[in-house]
PDB file of N, CA and C in Angstrom:
ATOM      1  N   UNK A   1       7.503  -9.963   5.771  1.00  0.00           N
ATOM      2  CA  UNK A   1       7.491  -9.098   6.938  1.00  0.00           C
ATOM      3  C   UNK A   1       8.901  -8.861   7.483  1.00  0.00           C
ATOM      4  N   UNK A   2       9.692  -9.919   7.541  1.00  0.00           N
ATOM      5  CA  UNK A   2      11.027  -9.767   8.098  1.00  0.00           C
ATOM      6  C   UNK A   2      11.874  -8.844   7.236  1.00  0.00           C
ATOM      7  N   UNK A   3      11.675  -8.917   5.928  1.00  0.00           N
ATOM      8  CA  UNK A   3      12.439  -8.060   5.027  1.00  0.00           C
ATOM      9  C   UNK A   3      12.075  -6.590   5.254  1.00  0.00           C
ATOM     10  N   UNK A   4      10.799  -6.316   5.437  1.00  0.00           N
ATOM     11  CA  UNK A   4      10.355  -4.941   5.688  1.00  0.00           C
ATOM     12  C   UNK A   4      10.934  -4.426   7.002  1.00  0.00           C
ATOM     13  N   UNK A   5      10.954  -5.261   8.019  1.00  0.00           N
ATOM     14  CA  UNK A   5      11.513  -4.848   9.308  1.00  0.00           C
ATOM     15  C   UNK A   5      13.007  -4.606   9.202  1.00  0.00           C
ATOM     16  N   UNK A   6      13.695  -5.467   8.464  1.00  0.00           N
ATOM     17  CA  UNK A   6      15.133  -5.297   8.278  1.00  0.00           C
ATOM     18  C   UNK A   6      15.430  -3.987   7.548  1.00  0.00           C
ATOM     19  N   UNK A   7      14.653  -3.677   6.532  1.00  0.00           N
ATOM     20  CA  UNK A   7      14.832  -2.422   5.799  1.00  0.00           C
ATOM     21  C   UNK A   7      14.544  -1.234   6.706  1.00  0.00           C
ATOM     22  N   UNK A   8      13.513  -1.335   7.539  1.00  0.00           N
ATOM     23  CA  UNK A   8      13.183  -0.246   8.461  1.00  0.00           C
ATOM     24  C   UNK A   8      14.312  -0.008   9.460  1.00  0.00           C
ATOM     25  N   UNK A   9      14.827  -1.078  10.041  1.00  0.00           N
ATOM     26  CA  UNK A   9      15.906  -0.942  11.024  1.00  0.00           C
ATOM     27  C   UNK A   9      17.162  -0.401  10.359  1.00  0.00           C
ATOM     28  N   UNK A  10      17.479  -0.890   9.175  1.00  0.00           N
ATOM     29  CA  UNK A  10      18.647  -0.404   8.455  1.00  0.00           C
ATOM     30  C   UNK A  10      18.499   1.080   8.123  1.00  0.00           C
ATOM     31  N   UNK A  11      17.314   1.496   7.731  1.00  0.00           N
ATOM     32  CA  UNK A  11      17.061   2.912   7.441  1.00  0.00           C
ATOM     33  C   UNK A  11      17.264   3.767   8.677  1.00  0.00           C
ATOM     34  N   UNK A  12      16.744   3.322   9.801  1.00  0.00           N
ATOM     35  CA  UNK A  12      16.886   4.084  11.048  1.00  0.00           C
ATOM     36  C   UNK A  12      18.359   4.184  11.446  1.00  0.00           C
ATOM     37  N   UNK A  13      19.102   3.091  11.317  1.00  0.00           N
ATOM     38  CA  UNK A  13      20.520   3.107  11.671  1.00  0.00           C
ATOM     39  C   UNK A  13      21.296   4.059  10.757  1.00  0.00           C
ATOM     40  N   UNK A  14      21.015   4.014   9.458  1.00  0.00           N
ATOM     41  CA  UNK A  14      21.708   4.902   8.522  1.00  0.00           C
ATOM     42  C   UNK A  14      21.354   6.371   8.760  1.00  0.00           C
ATOM     43  N   UNK A  15      20.109   6.648   9.088  1.00  0.00           N
ATOM     44  CA  UNK A  15      19.712   8.028   9.405  1.00  0.00           C
ATOM     45  C   UNK A  15      20.438   8.496  10.665  1.00  0.00           C
ATOM     46  N   UNK A  16      20.519   7.631  11.675  1.00  0.00           N
ATOM     47  CA  UNK A  16      21.220   7.987  12.913  1.00  0.00           C
ATOM     48  C   UNK A  16      22.689   8.296  12.631  1.00  0.00           C
ATOM     49  N   UNK A  17      23.350   7.420  11.870  1.00  0.00           N
ATOM     50  CA  UNK A  17      24.768   7.622  11.564  1.00  0.00           C
ATOM     51  C   UNK A  17      24.974   8.893  10.748  1.00  0.00           C
ATOM     52  N   UNK A  18      24.117   9.127   9.768  1.00  0.00           N
ATOM     53  CA  UNK A  18      24.236  10.327   8.943  1.00  0.00           C
ATOM     54  C   UNK A  18      24.071  11.606   9.751  1.00  0.00           C
ATOM     55  N   UNK A  19      23.037  11.644  10.588  1.00  0.00           N
ATOM     56  CA  UNK A  19      22.821  12.835  11.420  1.00  0.00           C
ATOM     57  C   UNK A  19      23.937  13.010  12.444  1.00  0.00           C
ATOM     58  N   UNK A  20      24.447  11.892  12.966  1.00  0.00           N
ATOM     59  CA  UNK A  20      25.549  11.973  13.922  1.00  0.00           C
ATOM     60  C   UNK A  20      26.796  12.557  13.249  1.00  0.00           C
ATOM     61  N   UNK A  21      27.067  12.133  12.034  1.00  0.00           N
ATOM     62  CA  UNK A  21      28.228  12.679  11.320  1.00  0.00           C
ATOM     63  C   UNK A  21      28.073  14.172  11.040  1.00  0.00           C
ATOM     64  N   UNK A  22      26.862  14.596  10.723  1.00  0.00           N
ATOM     65  CA  UNK A  22      26.622  16.028  10.510  1.00  0.00           C
ATOM     66  C   UNK A  22      26.864  16.803  11.801  1.00  0.00           C
ATOM     67  N   UNK A  23      26.368  16.280  12.912  1.00  0.00           N
ATOM     68  CA  UNK A  23      26.563  16.951  14.198  1.00  0.00           C
ATOM     69  C   UNK A  23      28.040  16.971  14.592  1.00  0.00           C
ATOM     70  N   UNK A  24      28.744  15.870  14.338  1.00  0.00           N
ATOM     71  CA  UNK A  24      30.175  15.819  14.667  1.00  0.00           C
ATOM     72  C   UNK A  24      30.955  16.813  13.811  1.00  0.00           C
ATOM     73  N   UNK A  25      30.562  16.951  12.545  1.00  0.00           N
ATOM     74  CA  UNK A  25      31.237  17.912  11.665  1.00  0.00           C
ATOM     75  C   UNK A  25      31.073  19.340  12.174  1.00  0.00           C
ATOM     76  N   UNK A  26      29.981  19.626  12.851  1.00  0.00           N
ATOM     77  CA  UNK A  26      29.786  20.954  13.440  1.00  0.00           C
ATOM     78  C   UNK A  26      30.507  21.076  14.782  1.00  0.00           C
ATOM     79  N   UNK A  27      30.538  19.963  15.549  1.00  0.00           N
ATOM     80  CA  UNK A  27      31.061  19.974  16.908  1.00  0.00           C
ATOM     81  C   UNK A  27      32.586  20.083  16.948  1.00  0.00           C
ATOM     82  N   UNK A  28      33.279  19.372  16.061  1.00  0.00           N
ATOM     83  CA  UNK A  28      34.747  19.336  16.108  1.00  0.00           C
ATOM     84  C   UNK A  28      35.359  20.733  15.976  1.00  0.00           C
ATOM     85  N   UNK A  29      34.995  21.545  14.973  1.00  0.00           N
ATOM     86  CA  UNK A  29      35.607  22.891  14.913  1.00  0.00           C
ATOM     87  C   UNK A  29      35.226  23.774  16.102  1.00  0.00           C
ATOM     88  N   UNK A  30      34.006  23.613  16.602  1.00  0.00           N
ATOM     89  CA  UNK A  30      33.604  24.433  17.752  1.00  0.00           C
ATOM     90  C   UNK A  30      34.356  24.040  19.012  1.00  0.00           C
ATOM     91  N   UNK A  31      34.694  22.772  19.159  1.00  0.00           N
ATOM     92  CA  UNK A  31      35.344  22.293  20.373  1.00  0.00           C
ATOM     93  C   UNK A  31      36.862  22.386  20.302  1.00  0.00           C
ATOM     94  N   UNK A  32      37.441  21.987  19.189  1.00  0.00           N
ATOM     95  CA  UNK A  32      38.900  21.903  19.078  1.00  0.00           C
ATOM     96  C   UNK A  32      39.512  22.998  18.225  1.00  0.00           C
ATOM     97  N   UNK A  33      38.715  23.778  17.540  1.00  0.00           N
ATOM     98  CA  UNK A  33      39.249  24.797  16.653  1.00  0.00           C
ATOM     99  C   UNK A  33      39.486  24.223  15.274  1.00  0.00           C
ATOM    100  N   UNK A  34      40.163  24.989  14.444  1.00  0.00           N
ATOM    101  CA  UNK A  34      40.417  24.582  13.067  1.00  0.00           C
ATOM    102  C   UNK A  34      41.664  23.694  13.027  1.00  0.00           C
ATOM    103  N   UNK A  35      41.468  22.373  13.159  1.00  0.00           N
ATOM    104  CA  UNK A  35      42.584  21.431  13.151  1.00  0.00           C
ATOM    105  C   UNK A  35      42.401  20.461  11.993  1.00  0.00           C
ATOM    106  N   UNK A  36      43.495  19.887  11.502  1.00  0.00           N
ATOM    107  CA  UNK A  36      43.379  18.907  10.416  1.00  0.00           C
ATOM    108  C   UNK A  36      42.732  17.605  10.893  1.00  0.00           C
ATOM    109  N   UNK A  37      42.129  16.894   9.964  1.00  0.00           N
ATOM    110  CA  UNK A  37      41.439  15.651  10.290  1.00  0.00           C
ATOM    111  C   UNK A  37      42.403  14.618  10.868  1.00  0.00           C
ATOM    112  N   UNK A  38      43.657  14.586  10.384  1.00  0.00           N
ATOM    113  CA  UNK A  38      44.639  13.624  10.883  1.00  0.00           C
ATOM    114  C   UNK A  38      44.888  13.816  12.373  1.00  0.00           C
ATOM    115  N   UNK A  39      44.844  15.040  12.840  1.00  0.00           N
ATOM    116  CA  UNK A  39      45.058  15.313  14.257  1.00  0.00           C
ATOM    117  C   UNK A  39      43.884  14.795  15.084  1.00  0.00           C
ATOM    118  N   UNK A  40      42.679  14.898  14.562  1.00  0.00           N
ATOM    119  CA  UNK A  40      41.502  14.354  15.258  1.00  0.00           C
ATOM    120  C   UNK A  40      41.641  12.842  15.388  1.00  0.00           C
ATOM    121  N   UNK A  41      42.028  12.175  14.291  1.00  0.00           N
ATOM    122  CA  UNK A  41      42.206  10.720  14.326  1.00  0.00           C
ATOM    123  C   UNK A  41      43.307  10.344  15.306  1.00  0.00           C
ATOM    124  N   UNK A  42      44.412  11.089  15.315  1.00  0.00           N
ATOM    125  CA  UNK A  42      45.511  10.811  16.237  1.00  0.00           C
ATOM    126  C   UNK A  42      45.032  10.876  17.683  1.00  0.00           C
ATOM    127  N   UNK A  43      44.282  11.902  18.019  1.00  0.00           N
ATOM    128  CA  UNK A  43      43.827  12.062  19.400  1.00  0.00           C
ATOM    129  C   UNK A  43      42.784  11.016  19.783  1.00  0.00           C
ATOM    130  N   UNK A  44      42.057  10.506  18.802  1.00  0.00           N
ATOM    131  CA  UNK A  44      41.114   9.430  19.105  1.00  0.00           C
ATOM    132  C   UNK A  44      41.834   8.122  19.397  1.00  0.00           C
ATOM    133  N   UNK A  45      43.009   7.926  18.789  1.00  0.00           N
ATOM    134  CA  UNK A  45      43.741   6.666  18.943  1.00  0.00           C
ATOM    135  C   UNK A  45      44.719   6.667  20.119  1.00  0.00           C
ATOM    136  N   UNK A  46      45.113   7.835  20.608  1.00  0.00           N
ATOM    137  CA  UNK A  46      46.072   7.932  21.702  1.00  0.00           C
ATOM    138  C   UNK A  46      45.354   7.632  23.018  1.00  0.00           C
ATOM    139  N   UNK A  47      45.982   6.859  23.903  1.00  0.00           N
ATOM    140  CA  UNK A  47      45.364   6.624  25.222  1.00  0.00           C
ATOM    141  C   UNK A  47      45.155   7.935  25.969  1.00  0.00           C
ATOM    142  N   UNK A  48      44.032   8.027  26.687  1.00  0.00           N
ATOM    143  CA  UNK A  48      43.672   9.307  27.309  1.00  0.00           C
ATOM    144  C   UNK A  48      43.762   9.247  28.832  1.00  0.00           C
ATOM    145  N   UNK A  49      44.786   8.625  29.355  1.00  0.00           N
ATOM    146  CA  UNK A  49      44.953   8.579  30.809  1.00  0.00           C
ATOM    147  C   UNK A  49      45.383   9.948  31.315  1.00  0.00           C
ATOM    148  N   UNK A  50      44.678  10.437  32.306  1.00  0.00           N
ATOM    149  CA  UNK A  50      45.042  11.702  32.925  1.00  0.00           C
ATOM    150  C   UNK A  50      44.610  12.935  32.164  1.00  0.00           C
ATOM    151  N   UNK A  51      43.812  12.792  31.126  1.00  0.00           N
ATOM    152  CA  UNK A  51      43.369  13.968  30.374  1.00  0.00           C
ATOM    153  C   UNK A  51      41.976  14.385  30.835  1.00  0.00           C
ATOM    154  N   UNK A  52      41.635  15.601  30.515  1.00  0.00           N
ATOM    155  CA  UNK A  52      40.328  16.144  30.865  1.00  0.00           C
ATOM    156  C   UNK A  52      39.249  15.491  29.997  1.00  0.00           C
ATOM    157  N   UNK A  53      38.219  14.964  30.602  1.00  0.00           N
ATOM    158  CA  UNK A  53      37.168  14.259  29.876  1.00  0.00           C
ATOM    159  C   UNK A  53      35.941  15.141  29.633  1.00  0.00           C
ATOM    160  N   UNK A  54      36.068  16.443  29.789  1.00  0.00           N
ATOM    161  CA  UNK A  54      34.920  17.329  29.601  1.00  0.00           C
ATOM    162  C   UNK A  54      34.442  17.338  28.150  1.00  0.00           C
ATOM    163  N   UNK A  55      35.351  17.050  27.210  1.00  0.00           N
ATOM    164  CA  UNK A  55      34.921  17.038  25.815  1.00  0.00           C
ATOM    165  C   UNK A  55      34.015  15.850  25.517  1.00  0.00           C
ATOM    166  N   UNK A  56      34.115  14.769  26.307  1.00  0.00           N
ATOM    167  CA  UNK A  56      33.211  13.631  26.134  1.00  0.00           C
ATOM    168  C   UNK A  56      31.791  14.050  26.526  1.00  0.00           C
ATOM    169  N   UNK A  57      31.676  14.766  27.636  1.00  0.00           N
ATOM    170  CA  UNK A  57      30.369  15.281  28.049  1.00  0.00           C
ATOM    171  C   UNK A  57      29.828  16.262  27.007  1.00  0.00           C
ATOM    172  N   UNK A  58      30.708  17.075  26.457  1.00  0.00           N
ATOM    173  CA  UNK A  58      30.309  18.022  25.424  1.00  0.00           C
ATOM    174  C   UNK A  58      29.817  17.285  24.177  1.00  0.00           C
ATOM    175  N   UNK A  59      30.511  16.198  23.812  1.00  0.00           N
ATOM    176  CA  UNK A  59      30.090  15.394  22.664  1.00  0.00           C
ATOM    177  C   UNK A  59      28.703  14.813  22.890  1.00  0.00           C
ATOM    178  N   UNK A  60      28.482  14.261  24.071  1.00  0.00           N
ATOM    179  CA  UNK A  60      27.186  13.645  24.377  1.00  0.00           C
ATOM    180  C   UNK A  60      26.075  14.687  24.364  1.00  0.00           C
ATOM    181  N   UNK A  61      26.341  15.855  24.906  1.00  0.00           N
ATOM    182  CA  UNK A  61      25.320  16.898  24.967  1.00  0.00           C
ATOM    183  C   UNK A  61      25.064  17.560  23.621  1.00  0.00           C
ATOM    184  N   UNK A  62      26.101  17.719  22.817  1.00  0.00           N
ATOM    185  CA  UNK A  62      25.961  18.463  21.559  1.00  0.00           C
ATOM    186  C   UNK A  62      25.649  17.583  20.354  1.00  0.00           C
ATOM    187  N   UNK A  63      26.161  16.371  20.324  1.00  0.00           N
ATOM    188  CA  UNK A  63      26.060  15.549  19.118  1.00  0.00           C
ATOM    189  C   UNK A  63      24.971  14.483  19.161  1.00  0.00           C
ATOM    190  N   UNK A  64      24.677  13.932  20.299  1.00  0.00           N
ATOM    191  CA  UNK A  64      23.753  12.794  20.348  1.00  0.00           C
ATOM    192  C   UNK A  64      22.258  13.117  20.392  1.00  0.00           C
ATOM    193  N   UNK A  65      21.811  14.211  20.988  1.00  0.00           N
ATOM    194  CA  UNK A  65      20.359  14.397  21.121  1.00  0.00           C
ATOM    195  C   UNK A  65      19.584  14.446  19.808  1.00  0.00           C
ATOM    196  N   UNK A  66      20.008  15.237  18.849  1.00  0.00           N
ATOM    197  CA  UNK A  66      19.243  15.377  17.597  1.00  0.00           C
ATOM    198  C   UNK A  66      19.182  14.057  16.829  1.00  0.00           C
ATOM    199  N   UNK A  67      20.315  13.363  16.593  1.00  0.00           N
ATOM    200  CA  UNK A  67      20.208  12.074  15.905  1.00  0.00           C
ATOM    201  C   UNK A  67      19.366  11.059  16.667  1.00  0.00           C
ATOM    202  N   UNK A  68      19.466  11.051  17.987  1.00  0.00           N
ATOM    203  CA  UNK A  68      18.696  10.090  18.775  1.00  0.00           C
ATOM    204  C   UNK A  68      17.198  10.378  18.702  1.00  0.00           C
ATOM    205  N   UNK A  69      16.815  11.633  18.781  1.00  0.00           N
ATOM    206  CA  UNK A  69      15.393  11.988  18.727  1.00  0.00           C
ATOM    207  C   UNK A  69      14.810  11.696  17.348  1.00  0.00           C
ATOM    208  N   UNK A  70      15.503  12.132  16.296  1.00  0.00           N
ATOM    209  CA  UNK A  70      14.996  11.915  14.937  1.00  0.00           C
ATOM    210  C   UNK A  70      14.923  10.415  14.628  1.00  0.00           C
ATOM    211  N   UNK A  71      15.958   9.673  14.994  1.00  0.00           N
ATOM    212  CA  UNK A  71      15.963   8.233  14.742  1.00  0.00           C
ATOM    213  C   UNK A  71      14.892   7.520  15.568  1.00  0.00           C
ATOM    214  N   UNK A  72      14.690   7.962  16.787  1.00  0.00           N
ATOM    215  CA  UNK A  72      13.638   7.374  17.620  1.00  0.00           C
ATOM    216  C   UNK A  72      12.259   7.608  17.031  1.00  0.00           C
ATOM    217  N   UNK A  73      12.002   8.820  16.554  1.00  0.00           N
ATOM    218  CA  UNK A  73      10.714   9.111  15.921  1.00  0.00           C
ATOM    219  C   UNK A  73      10.527   8.307  14.636  1.00  0.00           C
ATOM    220  N   UNK A  74      11.593   8.191  13.852  1.00  0.00           N
ATOM    221  CA  UNK A  74      11.526   7.397  12.627  1.00  0.00           C
ATOM    222  C   UNK A  74      11.274   5.929  12.943  1.00  0.00           C
ATOM    223  N   UNK A  75      11.929   5.401  13.968  1.00  0.00           N
ATOM    224  CA  UNK A  75      11.705   4.013  14.376  1.00  0.00           C
ATOM    225  C   UNK A  75      10.272   3.812  14.850  1.00  0.00           C
ATOM    226  N   UNK A  76       9.754   4.758  15.611  1.00  0.00           N
ATOM    227  CA  UNK A  76       8.370   4.667  16.066  1.00  0.00           C
ATOM    228  C   UNK A  76       7.411   4.687  14.884  1.00  0.00           C
ATOM    229  N   UNK A  77       7.666   5.548  13.916  1.00  0.00           N
ATOM    230  CA  UNK A  77       6.848   5.602  12.714  1.00  0.00           C
ATOM    231  C   UNK A  77       6.890   4.279  11.957  1.00  0.00           C
ATOM    232  N   UNK A  78       8.089   3.705  11.817  1.00  0.00           N
ATOM    233  CA  UNK A  78       8.226   2.419  11.115  1.00  0.00           C
ATOM    234  C   UNK A  78       7.500   1.300  11.853  1.00  0.00           C
ATOM    235  N   UNK A  79       7.577   1.299  13.174  1.00  0.00           N
ATOM    236  CA  UNK A  79       6.887   0.269  13.964  1.00  0.00           C
ATOM    237  C   UNK A  79       5.381   0.405  13.807  1.00  0.00           C
ATOM    238  N   UNK A  80       4.868   1.638  13.879  1.00  0.00           N
ATOM    239  CA  UNK A  80       3.425   1.846  13.729  1.00  0.00           C
ATOM    240  C   UNK A  80       2.952   1.468  12.331  1.00  0.00           C
ATOM    241  N   UNK A  81       3.725   1.821  11.313  1.00  0.00           N
ATOM    242  CA  UNK A  81       3.355   1.482   9.943  1.00  0.00           C
ATOM    243  C   UNK A  81       3.370  -0.030   9.742  1.00  0.00           C
ATOM    244  N   UNK A  82       4.377  -0.702  10.278  1.00  0.00           N
ATOM    245  CA  UNK A  82       4.463  -2.157  10.167  1.00  0.00           C
ATOM    246  C   UNK A  82       3.300  -2.819  10.905  1.00  0.00           C
ATOM    247  N   UNK A  83       2.916  -2.244  12.048  1.00  0.00           N
ATOM    248  CA  UNK A  83       1.815  -2.806  12.814  1.00  0.00           C
ATOM    249  C   UNK A  83       0.493  -2.676  12.052  1.00  0.00           C
ATOM    250  N   UNK A  84       0.264  -1.519  11.421  1.00  0.00           N
ATOM    251  CA  UNK A  84      -0.994  -1.353  10.694  1.00  0.00           C
ATOM    252  C   UNK A  84      -1.041  -2.248   9.463  1.00  0.00           C
ATOM    253  N   UNK A  85       0.084  -2.392   8.775  1.00  0.00           N
ATOM    254  CA  UNK A  85       0.116  -3.279   7.611  1.00  0.00           C
ATOM    255  C   UNK A  85      -0.111  -4.719   8.051  1.00  0.00           C
ATOM    256  N   UNK A  86       0.500  -5.127   9.162  1.00  0.00           N
ATOM    257  CA  UNK A  86       0.304  -6.488   9.676  1.00  0.00           C
ATOM    258  C   UNK A  86      -1.146  -6.732  10.052  1.00  0.00           C
ATOM    259  N   UNK A  87      -1.778  -5.759  10.686  1.00  0.00           N
ATOM    260  CA  UNK A  87      -3.190  -5.897  11.062  1.00  0.00           C
ATOM    261  C   UNK A  87      -4.066  -6.046   9.834  1.00  0.00           C
ATOM    262  N   UNK A  88      -3.788  -5.256   8.793  1.00  0.00           N
ATOM    263  CA  UNK A  88      -4.579  -5.333   7.562  1.00  0.00           C
ATOM    264  C   UNK A  88      -4.431  -6.693   6.899  1.00  0.00           C
ATOM    265  N   UNK A  89      -3.225  -7.219   6.904  1.00  0.00           N
ATOM    266  CA  UNK A  89      -2.998  -8.520   6.277  1.00  0.00           C
ATOM    267  C   UNK A  89      -3.714  -9.615   7.061  1.00  0.00           C
ATOM    268  N   UNK A  90      -3.663  -9.537   8.398  1.00  0.00           N
ATOM    269  CA  UNK A  90      -4.330 -10.549   9.223  1.00  0.00           C
ATOM    270  C   UNK A  90      -5.839 -10.528   9.035  1.00  0.00           C
ATOM    271  N   UNK A  91      -6.389  -9.351   8.807  1.00  0.00           N
ATOM    272  CA  UNK A  91      -7.834  -9.230   8.630  1.00  0.00           C
ATOM    273  C   UNK A  91      -8.264  -9.531   7.204  1.00  0.00           C
ATOM    274  N   UNK A  92      -7.312  -9.814   6.335  1.00  0.00           N
ATOM    275  CA  UNK A  92      -7.641 -10.152   4.960  1.00  0.00           C
ATOM    276  C   UNK A  92      -7.952  -8.953   4.089  1.00  0.00           C
ATOM    277  N   UNK A  93      -7.644  -7.779   4.576  1.00  0.00           N
ATOM    278  CA  UNK A  93      -7.944  -6.558   3.838  1.00  0.00           C
ATOM    279  C   UNK A  93      -6.680  -5.714   3.795  1.00  0.00           C
ATOM    280  N   UNK A  94      -6.219  -5.431   2.624  1.00  0.00           N
ATOM    281  CA  UNK A  94      -4.990  -4.666   2.487  1.00  0.00           C
ATOM    282  C   UNK A  94      -5.325  -3.312   1.880  1.00  0.00           C
ATOM    283  N   UNK A  95      -5.417  -2.296   2.733  1.00  0.00           N
ATOM    284  CA  UNK A  95      -5.871  -0.981   2.299  1.00  0.00           C
ATOM    285  C   UNK A  95      -4.752  -0.094   1.781  1.00  0.00           C
ATOM    286  N   UNK A  96      -3.520  -0.466   1.982  1.00  0.00           N
ATOM    287  CA  UNK A  96      -2.403   0.393   1.606  1.00  0.00           C
ATOM    288  C   UNK A  96      -2.001   0.121   0.162  1.00  0.00           C
ATOM    289  N   UNK A  97      -2.855   0.494  -0.755  1.00  0.00           N
ATOM    290  CA  UNK A  97      -2.619   0.197  -2.163  1.00  0.00           C
ATOM    291  C   UNK A  97      -1.549   1.092  -2.769  1.00  0.00           C
ATOM    292  N   UNK A  98      -1.202   2.179  -2.124  1.00  0.00           N
ATOM    293  CA  UNK A  98      -0.156   3.056  -2.653  1.00  0.00           C
ATOM    294  C   UNK A  98       1.191   2.349  -2.685  1.00  0.00           C
ATOM    295  N   UNK A  99       1.394   1.411  -1.791  1.00  0.00           N
ATOM    296  CA  UNK A  99       2.683   0.739  -1.694  1.00  0.00           C
ATOM    297  C   UNK A  99       2.736  -0.541  -2.520  1.00  0.00           C
ATOM    298  N   UNK A 100       1.687  -0.853  -3.216  1.00  0.00           N
ATOM    299  CA  UNK A 100       1.631  -2.097  -3.974  1.00  0.00           C
ATOM    300  C   UNK A 100       1.526  -1.812  -5.460  1.00  0.00           C
ATOM    301  N   UNK A 101       1.981  -2.762  -6.215  1.00  0.00           N
ATOM    302  CA  UNK A 101       1.792  -2.701  -7.656  1.00  0.00           C
ATOM    303  C   UNK A 101       0.450  -3.336  -7.935  1.00  0.00           C
ATOM    304  N   UNK A 102      -0.393  -2.593  -8.569  1.00  0.00           N
ATOM    305  CA  UNK A 102      -1.740  -3.087  -8.836  1.00  0.00           C
ATOM    306  C   UNK A 102      -1.780  -3.708 -10.227  1.00  0.00           C
ATOM    307  N   UNK A 103      -2.072  -4.978 -10.270  1.00  0.00           N
ATOM    308  CA  UNK A 103      -2.169  -5.689 -11.537  1.00  0.00           C
ATOM    309  C   UNK A 103      -3.634  -6.076 -11.720  1.00  0.00           C
ATOM    310  N   UNK A 104      -4.252  -5.596 -12.772  1.00  0.00           N
ATOM    311  CA  UNK A 104      -5.669  -5.913 -12.958  1.00  0.00           C
ATOM    312  C   UNK A 104      -5.841  -7.408 -13.239  1.00  0.00           C
ATOM    313  N   UNK A 105      -6.931  -7.942 -12.720  1.00  0.00           N
ATOM    314  CA  UNK A 105      -7.248  -9.354 -12.942  1.00  0.00           C
ATOM    315  C   UNK A 105      -7.831  -9.505 -14.336  1.00  0.00           C
ATOM    316  N   UNK A 106      -7.400 -10.509 -15.004  1.00  0.00           N
ATOM    317  CA  UNK A 106      -7.968 -10.814 -16.316  1.00  0.00           C
ATOM    318  C   UNK A 106      -8.565 -12.204 -16.240  1.00  0.00           C
ATOM    319  N   UNK A 107      -9.744 -12.316 -16.767  1.00  0.00           N
ATOM    320  CA  UNK A 107     -10.393 -13.612 -16.778  1.00  0.00           C
ATOM    321  C   UNK A 107     -10.071 -14.292 -18.089  1.00  0.00           C
ATOM    322  N   UNK A 108      -9.822 -15.564 -18.008  1.00  0.00           N
ATOM    323  CA  UNK A 108      -9.518 -16.295 -19.242  1.00  0.00           C
ATOM    324  C   UNK A 108     -10.807 -16.641 -19.945  1.00  0.00           C
ATOM    325  N   UNK A 109     -10.871 -16.327 -21.188  1.00  0.00           N
ATOM    326  CA  UNK A 109     -12.052 -16.636 -22.001  1.00  0.00           C
ATOM    327  C   UNK A 109     -11.698 -17.779 -22.941  1.00  0.00           C
ATOM    328  N   UNK A 110     -12.582 -18.664 -23.037  1.00  0.00           N
ATOM    329  CA  UNK A 110     -12.336 -19.762 -23.968  1.00  0.00           C
ATOM    330  C   UNK A 110     -12.637 -19.275 -25.377  1.00  0.00           C
ATOM    331  N   UNK A 111     -11.795 -19.616 -26.254  1.00  0.00           N
ATOM    332  CA  UNK A 111     -11.940 -19.210 -27.645  1.00  0.00           C
ATOM    333  C   UNK A 111     -12.737 -20.275 -28.370  1.00  0.00           C
ATOM    334  N   UNK A 112     -13.823 -19.868 -28.993  1.00  0.00           N
ATOM    335  CA  UNK A 112     -14.645 -20.822 -29.723  1.00  0.00           C
ATOM    336  C   UNK A 112     -14.393 -20.693 -31.219  1.00  0.00           C
ATOM    337  N   UNK A 113     -14.193 -21.804 -31.894  1.00  0.00           N
ATOM    338  CA  UNK A 113     -13.975 -21.794 -33.336  1.00  0.00           C
ATOM    339  C   UNK A 113     -15.141 -22.389 -34.023  1.00  0.00           C
TER     340      UNK A 113
END
C-alpha cells in the first residue's frame, strides 16, 4: 500500500511540475518579451529590492491555476482509487483484476506408476 501511495504522490508532483513548466514557457515571452534564457536566470538571482512586484501576481494568476487544478483532480482520483482498492482488500474480495497479473491455479496431481 505504501508503495502505491508513494507512486501516486510522485506522479501528481511530476504532473504538477510538468504543467507548471509548460505554463511558464508560455508566460515568460508574454510577460518579458523575447529575451534569452540567461537573462531570465539572471533576474531570478538578482535581489529585487525596490522593484515592481506585479509580475509575481501575474505569475500566480497565469501559471499556477491550471497545474494546481489538474494535479488536485489527479490526487483526488488517486486517493479514491486507493480507497476502493483498500476496501476490496479488507473485505477479502479484489475486484480490480485489470491491474493484476492473473496466474491460473494448478492442482498438483500425484503420478501413479
